[in-house]
Amino acid sequence: MRRLGNTGEVLAGILLAVLVFSLVGKISPPLAIILNPFSWVVLYFSLVRHEVFGAITGTVCGLVQDAFSFGVFGVGGLTKTLLGFSAGLIGRKINVLPPGRNFLFLTFLATAELILWKAIVIFLFEEKSKLMSGLLLLQPLATAFGVTVLFQVIGRKKEEVA
């Protein structure tokens, strides 16, 4: 029964990411470049449920995010799968939950995902790198900050309930 709860939580997270991505895209397209709610879902569940769950969540989130883009379908799925797996594996072996360590760790992983995604896109399309006026470079910092705050808020909620 616990597995169904995990799946329900992830599906709710993915639906929330779709909603946030859609609303932010309508309100402010430049902000949609900076925020990446799909990465938030992948990183959160990877650190909470570890590498296999993170990889599966990454695959689903990446493919859903690819459905929003006009690029090659699967690039986001691949990079988010690797993001989820690596975050879950490293997070299981090293305590990365203290806020400062969490922010640095997530910044590193989100930057690595962005570099890999951009390298694959450049390789597939043989185009010069477009950084969307530099806004894309803020994405790893925004992702790390958002997930770190999310862990702090959820941790406090769990303490209040206990």
Foldseek 3Di string as FASTA:
>chain_A
DVVVVVVVVLVVQLVVQVVVLVVCCVVPVLVSLQERSLLLSLLLCCLVVAQVRSLVSQLVSQQVVQVVDPADRPLSNVLSSVLNNVSRHVSVVDVQLDLVSQLVVQLVSVVVSLVSSQVVRCVVVVDDDDCPVVSNVNNSNVSSVVNNVVSVVVVVVVVVVD
